[in-house]
Amino acid sequence: MAVAHSFPSLAEFTGAIDGLLFDICDHLQLSTVRYGLAVERYNTLNRVLESAQSPFRFFQPEIYPQSAGT
């Protein structure tokens, strides 16, 4: 059975929500290895789309991952 916690103040409630959101963000963050693998795959896809055999080359596609934001 789930039990709802009571928070004596708004500050404690928002602090708890902030902590929860930070924990979620930490778990969603890619590791360095997984980020490197994603960058490698984006670069491979970009080379395939720009290759002479690709029907997409005329659109001059540019595929890239979002920066790490460090």
PDB file of N, CA and C in Angstrom:
ATOM      1  N   MET A   1       0.831  -1.168   0.000  1.00  0.00           N
ATOM      2  CA  MET A   1       0.000   0.000   0.000  1.00  0.00           C
ATOM      3  C   MET A   1       0.888   1.247   0.000  1.00  0.00           C
ATOM      4  N   ALA A   2       0.577   2.189  -0.873  1.00  0.00           N
ATOM      5  CA  ALA A   2       1.338   3.425  -0.960  1.00  0.00           C
ATOM      6  C   ALA A   2       0.858   4.399   0.099  1.00  0.00           C
ATOM      7  N   VAL A   3       1.812   5.099   0.668  1.00  0.00           N
ATOM      8  CA  VAL A   3       1.484   6.084   1.689  1.00  0.00           C
ATOM      9  C   VAL A   3       1.969   7.437   1.217  1.00  0.00           C
ATOM     10  N   ALA A   4       1.096   8.428   1.243  1.00  0.00           N
ATOM     11  CA  ALA A   4       1.474   9.785   0.854  1.00  0.00           C
ATOM     12  C   ALA A   4       2.173  10.456   2.026  1.00  0.00           C
ATOM     13  N   HIS A   5       3.295  11.100   1.723  1.00  0.00           N
ATOM     14  CA  HIS A   5       4.030  11.826   2.751  1.00  0.00           C
ATOM     15  C   HIS A   5       3.419  13.205   2.923  1.00  0.00           C
ATOM     16  N   SER A   6       3.414  13.669   4.133  1.00  0.00           N
ATOM     17  CA  SER A   6       2.956  15.036   4.357  1.00  0.00           C
ATOM     18  C   SER A   6       4.180  15.916   4.572  1.00  0.00           C
ATOM     19  N   PHE A   7       4.147  17.095   4.001  1.00  0.00           N
ATOM     20  CA  PHE A   7       5.251  18.032   4.115  1.00  0.00           C
ATOM     21  C   PHE A   7       4.769  19.234   4.927  1.00  0.00           C
ATOM     22  N   PRO A   8       5.467  19.549   6.001  1.00  0.00           N
ATOM     23  CA  PRO A   8       5.033  20.652   6.858  1.00  0.00           C
ATOM     24  C   PRO A   8       5.079  22.021   6.170  1.00  0.00           C
ATOM     25  N   SER A   9       5.901  22.166   5.147  1.00  0.00           N
ATOM     26  CA  SER A   9       5.998  23.478   4.511  1.00  0.00           C
ATOM     27  C   SER A   9       6.165  23.337   3.005  1.00  0.00           C
ATOM     28  N   LEU A  10       5.860  24.407   2.312  1.00  0.00           N
ATOM     29  CA  LEU A  10       6.026  24.450   0.858  1.00  0.00           C
ATOM     30  C   LEU A  10       7.497  24.303   0.484  1.00  0.00           C
ATOM     31  N   ALA A  11       8.387  24.878   1.273  1.00  0.00           N
ATOM     32  CA  ALA A  11       9.825  24.792   0.995  1.00  0.00           C
ATOM     33  C   ALA A  11      10.302  23.339   1.046  1.00  0.00           C
ATOM     34  N   GLU A  12       9.827  22.576   2.014  1.00  0.00           N
ATOM     35  CA  GLU A  12      10.206  21.167   2.102  1.00  0.00           C
ATOM     36  C   GLU A  12       9.639  20.379   0.926  1.00  0.00           C
ATOM     37  N   PHE A  13       8.421  20.713   0.529  1.00  0.00           N
ATOM     38  CA  PHE A  13       7.803  20.037  -0.612  1.00  0.00           C
ATOM     39  C   PHE A  13       8.585  20.314  -1.899  1.00  0.00           C
ATOM     40  N   THR A  14       8.887  21.576  -2.164  1.00  0.00           N
ATOM     41  CA  THR A  14       9.626  21.906  -3.395  1.00  0.00           C
ATOM     42  C   THR A  14      11.041  21.346  -3.341  1.00  0.00           C
ATOM     43  N   GLY A  15      11.633  21.292  -2.156  1.00  0.00           N
ATOM     44  CA  GLY A  15      12.960  20.685  -2.015  1.00  0.00           C
ATOM     45  C   GLY A  15      12.923  19.203  -2.353  1.00  0.00           C
ATOM     46  N   ALA A  16      11.871  18.525  -1.909  1.00  0.00           N
ATOM     47  CA  ALA A  16      11.726  17.095  -2.207  1.00  0.00           C
ATOM     48  C   ALA A  16      11.526  16.873  -3.708  1.00  0.00           C
ATOM     49  N   ILE A  17      10.716  17.730  -4.337  1.00  0.00           N
ATOM     50  CA  ILE A  17      10.494  17.620  -5.791  1.00  0.00           C
ATOM     51  C   ILE A  17      11.794  17.876  -6.536  1.00  0.00           C
ATOM     52  N   ASP A  18      12.542  18.907  -6.123  1.00  0.00           N
ATOM     53  CA  ASP A  18      13.830  19.198  -6.756  1.00  0.00           C
ATOM     54  C   ASP A  18      14.766  17.995  -6.667  1.00  0.00           C
ATOM     55  N   GLY A  19      14.830  17.398  -5.487  1.00  0.00           N
ATOM     56  CA  GLY A  19      15.688  16.227  -5.309  1.00  0.00           C
ATOM     57  C   GLY A  19      15.274  15.082  -6.214  1.00  0.00           C
ATOM     58  N   LEU A  20      13.985  14.852  -6.322  1.00  0.00           N
ATOM     59  CA  LEU A  20      13.470  13.797  -7.185  1.00  0.00           C
ATOM     60  C   LEU A  20      13.830  14.062  -8.648  1.00  0.00           C
ATOM     61  N   LEU A  21      13.645  15.296  -9.087  1.00  0.00           N
ATOM     62  CA  LEU A  21      13.964  15.638 -10.486  1.00  0.00           C
ATOM     63  C   LEU A  21      15.457  15.515 -10.772  1.00  0.00           C
ATOM     64  N   PHE A  22      16.304  15.907  -9.825  1.00  0.00           N
ATOM     65  CA  PHE A  22      17.748  15.752 -10.016  1.00  0.00           C
ATOM     66  C   PHE A  22      18.130  14.275 -10.124  1.00  0.00           C
ATOM     67  N   ASP A  23      17.512  13.435  -9.292  1.00  0.00           N
ATOM     68  CA  ASP A  23      17.770  11.989  -9.370  1.00  0.00           C
ATOM     69  C   ASP A  23      17.361  11.423 -10.728  1.00  0.00           C
ATOM     70  N   ILE A  24      16.214  11.852 -11.230  1.00  0.00           N
ATOM     71  CA  ILE A  24      15.750  11.391 -12.545  1.00  0.00           C
ATOM     72  C   ILE A  24      16.732  11.809 -13.629  1.00  0.00           C
ATOM     73  N   CYS A  25      17.184  13.057 -13.588  1.00  0.00           N
ATOM     74  CA  CYS A  25      18.140  13.557 -14.593  1.00  0.00           C
ATOM     75  C   CYS A  25      19.450  12.772 -14.539  1.00  0.00           C
ATOM     76  N   ASP A  26      19.920  12.477 -13.336  1.00  0.00           N
ATOM     77  CA  ASP A  26      21.155  11.694 -13.195  1.00  0.00           C
ATOM     78  C   ASP A  26      21.020  10.328 -13.840  1.00  0.00           C
ATOM     79  N   HIS A  27      19.870   9.692 -13.697  1.00  0.00           N
ATOM     80  CA  HIS A  27      19.664   8.365 -14.267  1.00  0.00           C
ATOM     81  C   HIS A  27      19.477   8.407 -15.788  1.00  0.00           C
ATOM     82  N   LEU A  28      19.011   9.533 -16.310  1.00  0.00           N
ATOM     83  CA  LEU A  28      18.813   9.654 -17.756  1.00  0.00           C
ATOM     84  C   LEU A  28      20.093  10.021 -18.503  1.00  0.00           C
ATOM     85  N   GLN A  29      21.062  10.579 -17.806  1.00  0.00           N
ATOM     86  CA  GLN A  29      22.310  11.032 -18.430  1.00  0.00           C
ATOM     87  C   GLN A  29      23.077   9.849 -19.016  1.00  0.00           C
ATOM     88  N   LEU A  30      23.527  10.004 -20.264  1.00  0.00           N
ATOM     89  CA  LEU A  30      24.319   8.957 -20.900  1.00  0.00           C
ATOM     90  C   LEU A  30      25.713   8.896 -20.298  1.00  0.00           C
ATOM     91  N   SER A  31      26.250   7.696 -20.203  1.00  0.00           N
ATOM     92  CA  SER A  31      27.640   7.553 -19.772  1.00  0.00           C
ATOM     93  C   SER A  31      28.547   8.045 -20.905  1.00  0.00           C
ATOM     94  N   THR A  32      29.804   8.261 -20.593  1.00  0.00           N
ATOM     95  CA  THR A  32      30.766   8.716 -21.601  1.00  0.00           C
ATOM     96  C   THR A  32      30.876   7.706 -22.737  1.00  0.00           C
ATOM     97  N   VAL A  33      30.872   6.435 -22.413  1.00  0.00           N
ATOM     98  CA  VAL A  33      30.980   5.389 -23.424  1.00  0.00           C
ATOM     99  C   VAL A  33      29.754   5.382 -24.333  1.00  0.00           C
ATOM    100  N   ARG A  34      28.575   5.458 -23.757  1.00  0.00           N
ATOM    101  CA  ARG A  34      27.345   5.446 -24.566  1.00  0.00           C
ATOM    102  C   ARG A  34      27.225   6.707 -25.407  1.00  0.00           C
ATOM    103  N   TYR A  35      27.653   7.844 -24.872  1.00  0.00           N
ATOM    104  CA  TYR A  35      27.637   9.085 -25.648  1.00  0.00           C
ATOM    105  C   TYR A  35      28.589   8.968 -26.838  1.00  0.00           C
ATOM    106  N   GLY A  36      29.783   8.424 -26.613  1.00  0.00           N
ATOM    107  CA  GLY A  36      30.752   8.230 -27.699  1.00  0.00           C
ATOM    108  C   GLY A  36      30.202   7.311 -28.777  1.00  0.00           C
ATOM    109  N   LEU A  37      29.512   6.266 -28.376  1.00  0.00           N
ATOM    110  CA  LEU A  37      28.900   5.346 -29.333  1.00  0.00           C
ATOM    111  C   LEU A  37      27.808   6.055 -30.137  1.00  0.00           C
ATOM    112  N   ALA A  38      27.027   6.890 -29.482  1.00  0.00           N
ATOM    113  CA  ALA A  38      25.988   7.644 -30.191  1.00  0.00           C
ATOM    114  C   ALA A  38      26.609   8.599 -31.210  1.00  0.00           C
ATOM    115  N   VAL A  39      27.663   9.293 -30.832  1.00  0.00           N
ATOM    116  CA  VAL A  39      28.348  10.213 -31.758  1.00  0.00           C
ATOM    117  C   VAL A  39      28.880   9.438 -32.962  1.00  0.00           C
ATOM    118  N   GLU A  40      29.485   8.295 -32.716  1.00  0.00           N
ATOM    119  CA  GLU A  40      30.013   7.456 -33.800  1.00  0.00           C
ATOM    120  C   GLU A  40      28.897   7.039 -34.755  1.00  0.00           C
ATOM    121  N   ARG A  41      27.767   6.659 -34.227  1.00  0.00           N
ATOM    122  CA  ARG A  41      26.645   6.225 -35.074  1.00  0.00           C
ATOM    123  C   ARG A  41      26.027   7.381 -35.851  1.00  0.00           C
ATOM    124  N   TYR A  42      25.936   8.552 -35.237  1.00  0.00           N
ATOM    125  CA  TYR A  42      25.449   9.725 -35.963  1.00  0.00           C
ATOM    126  C   TYR A  42      26.398  10.060 -37.114  1.00  0.00           C
ATOM    127  N   ASN A  43      27.695   9.998 -36.861  1.00  0.00           N
ATOM    128  CA  ASN A  43      28.673  10.286 -37.919  1.00  0.00           C
ATOM    129  C   ASN A  43      28.579   9.276 -39.056  1.00  0.00           C
ATOM    130  N   THR A  44      28.384   8.017 -38.733  1.00  0.00           N
ATOM    131  CA  THR A  44      28.225   6.984 -39.754  1.00  0.00           C
ATOM    132  C   THR A  44      26.980   7.247 -40.586  1.00  0.00           C
ATOM    133  N   LEU A  45      25.887   7.558 -39.932  1.00  0.00           N
ATOM    134  CA  LEU A  45      24.650   7.860 -40.647  1.00  0.00           C
ATOM    135  C   LEU A  45      24.834   9.073 -41.557  1.00  0.00           C
ATOM    136  N   ASN A  46      25.516  10.079 -41.074  1.00  0.00           N
ATOM    137  CA  ASN A  46      25.762  11.269 -41.880  1.00  0.00           C
ATOM    138  C   ASN A  46      26.585  10.931 -43.125  1.00  0.00           C
ATOM    139  N   ARG A  47      27.614  10.106 -42.973  1.00  0.00           N
ATOM    140  CA  ARG A  47      28.440   9.708 -44.133  1.00  0.00           C
ATOM    141  C   ARG A  47      27.618   8.929 -45.148  1.00  0.00           C
ATOM    142  N   VAL A  48      26.738   8.043 -44.688  1.00  0.00           N
ATOM    143  CA  VAL A  48      25.896   7.259 -45.592  1.00  0.00           C
ATOM    144  C   VAL A  48      24.941   8.177 -46.357  1.00  0.00           C
ATOM    145  N   LEU A  49      24.316   9.124 -45.658  1.00  0.00           N
ATOM    146  CA  LEU A  49      23.370  10.022 -46.313  1.00  0.00           C
ATOM    147  C   LEU A  49      24.040  10.965 -47.308  1.00  0.00           C
ATOM    148  N   GLU A  50      25.309  11.305 -47.080  1.00  0.00           N
ATOM    149  CA  GLU A  50      26.038  12.202 -47.967  1.00  0.00           C
ATOM    150  C   GLU A  50      26.802  11.475 -49.075  1.00  0.00           C
ATOM    151  N   SER A  51      26.811  10.153 -49.052  1.00  0.00           N
ATOM    152  CA  SER A  51      27.602   9.390 -50.026  1.00  0.00           C
ATOM    153  C   SER A  51      27.054   9.557 -51.443  1.00  0.00           C
ATOM    154  N   ALA A  52      27.888   9.267 -52.413  1.00  0.00           N
ATOM    155  CA  ALA A  52      27.518   9.419 -53.820  1.00  0.00           C
ATOM    156  C   ALA A  52      26.351   8.512 -54.209  1.00  0.00           C
ATOM    157  N   GLN A  53      26.167   7.394 -53.520  1.00  0.00           N
ATOM    158  CA  GLN A  53      25.091   6.458 -53.838  1.00  0.00           C
ATOM    159  C   GLN A  53      23.762   6.845 -53.184  1.00  0.00           C
ATOM    160  N   SER A  54      23.772   7.814 -52.303  1.00  0.00           N
ATOM    161  CA  SER A  54      22.578   8.166 -51.550  1.00  0.00           C
ATOM    162  C   SER A  54      21.676   9.123 -52.332  1.00  0.00           C
ATOM    163  N   PRO A  55      20.376   8.821 -52.393  1.00  0.00           N
ATOM    164  CA  PRO A  55      19.458   9.760 -53.040  1.00  0.00           C
ATOM    165  C   PRO A  55      19.256  11.033 -52.206  1.00  0.00           C
ATOM    166  N   PHE A  56      19.719  11.029 -50.970  1.00  0.00           N
ATOM    167  CA  PHE A  56      19.560  12.180 -50.079  1.00  0.00           C
ATOM    168  C   PHE A  56      20.699  13.181 -50.186  1.00  0.00           C
ATOM    169  N   ARG A  57      21.769  12.830 -50.910  1.00  0.00           N
ATOM    170  CA  ARG A  57      22.946  13.697 -50.964  1.00  0.00           C
ATOM    171  C   ARG A  57      22.622  15.083 -51.516  1.00  0.00           C
ATOM    172  N   PHE A  58      21.621  15.190 -52.364  1.00  0.00           N
ATOM    173  CA  PHE A  58      21.267  16.482 -52.963  1.00  0.00           C
ATOM    174  C   PHE A  58      20.647  17.435 -51.935  1.00  0.00           C
ATOM    175  N   PHE A  59      20.140  16.892 -50.856  1.00  0.00           N
ATOM    176  CA  PHE A  59      19.563  17.720 -49.800  1.00  0.00           C
ATOM    177  C   PHE A  59      20.628  18.213 -48.820  1.00  0.00           C
ATOM    178  N   GLN A  60      21.846  17.746 -48.997  1.00  0.00           N
ATOM    179  CA  GLN A  60      22.985  18.089 -48.130  1.00  0.00           C
ATOM    180  C   GLN A  60      22.623  17.932 -46.645  1.00  0.00           C
ATOM    181  N   PRO A  61      22.245  16.708 -46.261  1.00  0.00           N
ATOM    182  CA  PRO A  61      21.837  16.495 -44.867  1.00  0.00           C
ATOM    183  C   PRO A  61      23.010  16.676 -43.911  1.00  0.00           C
ATOM    184  N   GLU A  62      22.705  17.137 -42.740  1.00  0.00           N
ATOM    185  CA  GLU A  62      23.705  17.261 -41.687  1.00  0.00           C
ATOM    186  C   GLU A  62      23.109  16.658 -40.425  1.00  0.00           C
ATOM    187  N   ILE A  63      23.580  15.493 -40.058  1.00  0.00           N
ATOM    188  CA  ILE A  63      23.077  14.763 -38.901  1.00  0.00           C
ATOM    189  C   ILE A  63      24.146  14.852 -37.800  1.00  0.00           C
ATOM    190  N   TYR A  64      23.732  15.251 -36.618  1.00  0.00           N
ATOM    191  CA  TYR A  64      24.693  15.343 -35.521  1.00  0.00           C
ATOM    192  C   TYR A  64      23.959  15.168 -34.191  1.00  0.00           C
ATOM    193  N   PRO A  65      24.677  14.673 -33.188  1.00  0.00           N
ATOM    194  CA  PRO A  65      24.058  14.517 -31.864  1.00  0.00           C
ATOM    195  C   PRO A  65      24.026  15.859 -31.150  1.00  0.00           C
ATOM    196  N   GLN A  66      23.163  15.950 -30.168  1.00  0.00           N
ATOM    197  CA  GLN A  66      23.128  17.139 -29.324  1.00  0.00           C
ATOM    198  C   GLN A  66      24.419  17.181 -28.524  1.00  0.00           C
ATOM    199  N   SER A  67      24.951  18.367 -28.305  1.00  0.00           N
ATOM    200  CA  SER A  67      26.214  18.471 -27.555  1.00  0.00           C
ATOM    201  C   SER A  67      26.009  18.037 -26.115  1.00  0.00           C
ATOM    202  N   ALA A  68      27.098  17.679 -25.487  1.00  0.00           N
ATOM    203  CA  ALA A  68      27.057  17.211 -24.115  1.00  0.00           C
ATOM    204  C   ALA A  68      26.700  18.327 -23.139  1.00  0.00           C
ATOM    205  N   GLY A  69      26.876  19.563 -23.543  1.00  0.00           N
ATOM    206  CA  GLY A  69      26.503  20.696 -22.701  1.00  0.00           C
ATOM    207  C   GLY A  69      27.355  20.859 -21.453  1.00  0.00           C
ATOM    208  N   THR A  70      28.615  20.511 -21.575  1.00  0.00           N
ATOM    209  CA  THR A  70      29.488  20.639 -20.390  1.00  0.00           C
ATOM    210  C   THR A  70      30.024  22.022 -20.234  1.00  0.00           C
TER     211      THR A  70
END
